[in-house]
Structures are given as structure tokens and as C-alpha cells.
Protein backbone atom coordinates (compact mmCIF):
# COMPACT_ATOMS: atom_id res chain seq x y z
CA MET A 1 4.77 -11.08 -3.17
CA PRO A 2 7.78 -8.73 -2.62
CA HIS A 3 7.75 -9.88 1.37
CA PHE A 4 8.00 -13.70 1.32
CA GLY A 5 10.75 -14.66 2.72
CA LEU A 6 11.98 -11.40 3.98
CA MET A 7 10.09 -11.00 7.22
CA ASP A 8 8.71 -12.85 10.15
CA ALA A 9 4.90 -11.33 10.40
CA GLN A 10 4.61 -13.26 13.77
CA ALA A 11 7.92 -11.99 15.10
CA LEU A 12 7.04 -8.27 14.10
CA GLY A 13 3.34 -8.16 15.42
CA PRO A 14 0.60 -7.31 13.26
CA GLU A 15 1.58 -3.47 13.18
CA ARG A 16 5.21 -3.60 12.40
CA ALA A 17 4.39 -6.33 10.07
CA ALA A 18 1.95 -4.20 7.93
CA LEU A 19 4.65 -1.69 8.01
CA GLU A 20 7.04 -3.55 6.57
CA GLU A 21 4.85 -5.05 4.08
CA ALA A 22 3.95 -2.13 3.01
CA LYS A 23 7.68 -0.62 2.39
CA LEU A 24 8.93 -3.97 0.51
CA HIS A 25 5.71 -3.63 -1.42
CA ILE A 26 6.56 -0.30 -2.67
CA ARG A 27 9.64 -1.26 -3.65
CA GLY A 28 9.01 -4.41 -5.29
CA GLY A 29 5.88 -2.37 -6.98
CA LYS A 30 8.37 0.10 -8.45
CA ARG A 31 10.72 -2.06 -9.43
CA ARG A 32 8.21 -4.11 -11.30
CA LEU A 33 6.97 -1.16 -13.47
CA ARG A 34 10.31 -0.19 -14.13
CA GLN A 35 10.73 -3.78 -15.37
CA GLY A 36 7.58 -3.17 -17.66
CA LYS A 37 5.66 -5.59 -15.54
CA ILE A 38 2.90 -2.99 -15.43
CA SER A 39 0.27 -5.21 -14.29
CA ALA A 40 1.94 -6.72 -11.74
CA GLY A 41 3.61 -3.70 -10.46
CA ILE A 42 -0.08 -1.88 -9.87
CA VAL A 43 -1.25 -4.65 -8.21
CA THR A 44 1.94 -4.88 -5.85
CA LEU A 45 1.52 -0.81 -5.02
CA TYR A 46 -2.55 -1.44 -4.32
CA ASP A 47 -1.29 -4.79 -1.76
CA ALA A 48 1.29 -1.70 -0.41
CA LEU A 49 -1.38 1.00 -0.19
CA ASN A 50 -3.41 -1.60 1.87
CA SER A 51 -1.05 -2.82 3.93
CA ALA A 52 -0.21 0.50 4.96
CA MET A 53 -3.77 1.74 5.87
CA GLN A 54 -4.02 -1.11 7.91
CA TRP A 55 -0.66 -0.47 9.54
CA TYR A 56 -2.32 2.90 10.52
CA VAL A 57 -5.47 1.98 12.13
CA PHE A 58 -3.58 -1.43 13.69
CA SER A 59 -2.60 1.22 16.44
CA ARG A 60 -4.39 1.86 19.55
CA GLU A 61 -2.71 5.39 19.82
CA ARG A 62 -3.91 6.43 16.34
CA GLN A 63 -7.21 4.78 16.61
CA LYS A 64 -7.96 7.41 19.15
CA ASP A 65 -8.19 10.15 16.52
CA LEU A 66 -10.26 8.53 14.31
CA LEU A 67 -13.70 8.90 13.57
CA ILE A 68 -14.77 5.42 13.63
CA ARG A 69 -18.58 4.40 12.90
CA GLU A 70 -19.91 2.00 14.68
CA GLY A 71 -19.83 -1.31 12.98
CA GLU A 72 -17.30 -0.26 10.69
CA ASP A 73 -15.14 -2.75 9.47
CA LEU A 74 -11.39 -1.92 9.54
CA ASN A 75 -10.56 -4.63 7.85
CA ASN A 76 -12.28 -3.50 4.33
CA ASP A 77 -9.79 -1.51 2.50
CA ARG A 78 -12.39 0.74 0.94
CA THR A 79 -14.10 1.56 4.38
CA VAL A 80 -10.28 2.29 6.01
CA TYR A 81 -9.58 4.57 3.11
CA THR A 82 -12.60 6.43 3.64
CA LEU A 83 -12.80 6.49 7.34
CA LEU A 84 -9.07 7.90 6.96
CA VAL A 85 -10.18 10.74 5.05
CA ARG A 86 -13.08 11.48 7.24
CA SER A 87 -10.36 11.63 10.07
CA GLY A 88 -8.36 13.83 8.28
CA VAL A 89 -5.56 11.60 7.82
CA LEU A 90 -5.57 11.62 4.05
CA ASP A 91 -6.49 14.34 2.11
CA GLY A 92 -9.09 12.82 -0.25
CA GLU A 93 -7.24 13.78 -3.45
CA PHE A 94 -6.19 10.04 -4.56
CA ASP A 95 -9.08 8.30 -6.26
CA TYR A 96 -9.49 5.05 -4.50
CA ASP A 97 -12.44 4.12 -6.67
CA ALA A 98 -10.22 4.65 -9.63
CA LEU A 99 -7.18 2.57 -8.59
CA ASP A 100 -9.83 -0.36 -7.39
CA ARG A 101 -10.87 -0.12 -11.39
CA LEU A 102 -7.36 -0.16 -12.39
CA VAL A 103 -6.33 -3.21 -10.31
CA GLU A 104 -9.48 -4.99 -11.37
CA LYS A 105 -8.16 -4.53 -14.85
CA ALA A 106 -4.42 -5.17 -14.05
CA LEU A 107 -5.72 -8.30 -12.58
CA TYR A 108 -6.26 -9.88 -15.84
CA ASP A 109 -4.95 -8.12 -18.41
CA GLU A 110 -1.21 -7.02 -18.83
CA MET A 111 -0.84 -3.45 -19.78
CA PRO A 112 2.54 -2.58 -21.30
CA GLY A 113 1.40 0.78 -22.69
CA TYR A 114 0.00 2.17 -19.60
CA ASP A 115 1.56 5.38 -18.13
CA PHE A 116 2.01 4.82 -14.56
CA SER A 117 3.13 8.06 -13.59
CA GLU A 118 0.17 9.42 -12.19
CA LEU A 119 -0.92 6.46 -10.33
CA LEU A 120 2.36 6.29 -8.94
CA GLU A 121 2.60 9.97 -7.61
CA GLY A 122 -1.01 9.72 -6.11
CA ILE A 123 0.17 6.48 -4.14
CA GLU A 124 3.39 8.04 -2.92
CA SER A 125 0.99 10.97 -2.04
CA VAL A 126 -0.98 8.60 0.33
CA MET A 127 2.20 7.12 1.70
CA THR A 128 3.47 10.20 2.81
CA GLN A 129 0.48 11.25 4.52
CA LEU A 130 0.41 8.19 6.44
CA GLY A 131 3.60 8.70 7.57
CA VAL A 132 4.98 5.33 5.48
CA MET A 133 7.26 7.25 3.23
CA PRO A 134 9.98 8.40 3.15
CA PHE A 135 11.87 5.55 4.00
CA ASP A 136 15.21 4.53 4.06
CA GLU A 137 15.24 1.23 1.39
CA SER A 138 18.74 0.33 2.50
CA LYS A 139 17.06 -0.56 5.93
CA LEU A 140 14.66 -3.26 4.23
CA PRO A 141 16.05 -6.70 3.49
CA PRO A 142 18.10 -6.92 0.38
CA GLU A 143 15.88 -7.98 -2.92
CA ASP A 144 15.98 -11.49 -4.48
CA PRO A 145 16.38 -10.61 -7.88
CA SER A 146 15.30 -13.82 -9.03
CA THR A 147 11.54 -12.91 -7.84
CA PHE A 148 9.21 -12.00 -10.34
């Protein structure tokens, strides 16, 4: 994954580490898409999205404004997405179920002809609504070009 060796999650703590991981995965996922590693790029962007959502719900301050129902598992990505839409953080335009199906396919098949432009636009929209994007990539640790 694009964050290995580039950050110290324990030193950052859960909230800051999730944000840093989301940013590193956005950058890495886009690079993989540009390189034609479509399936790997899709899975990496999925990880970025899940890290970004976890970052959002980790904050005690932001949790105050969330409509969390008793018993909801905030470690479940689908639950967190639904919670963020219900709470008005996300507009719900992004089709999370379609992404889930696409990731399942990407895990088992390379998808060289897949047009990822709509997916990337949707992910970037969610990242912007969460407050993760835009960000200054020059403030991230430099990528290791030898990584997948």
C-alpha cells in the first residue's frame, strides 16, 4: 500500500494517521491509474475513501454532529458511509454499492479497458465533502517510485 514506510501511524495517532493514509492512497491510487494499473488503482482509491471516512468519524468534535444510532459499527465502511449521508456530511450522490462491486471485481481481474474517469470524479467529490481534498501533495512524504 502507498503508505508503507512513509508514515509512523503510532506517532501520529489514529485520527491523523487515517488522514495521512487517505492522502497517500489518493496520490498512489491516481498514479496507479495513470500507469495503467487500473485494478490496483481502484483498490487503492477504495482504501483512501475508507481511511478518509474513518478519519472523519475518529474526531470527537465531528462526532457531536453525527446522527449515530445505537449499536452502529463505526468500523464498518458501509455503515460509516450511510451515517455520513444521513448526517448531511455527504450528499449521497456517490454510489458506494457500485464502488463495492467494482472493488470486488478489481480484486480478481485486471481491468485494462475500464474508464475510471467517473469513479475518480466521484471519489474526489466525496473527499472534498469530507474535507480531505484539496491538499498540497508537496507536503506528503515523497513517493518511492519502485513501489508497485
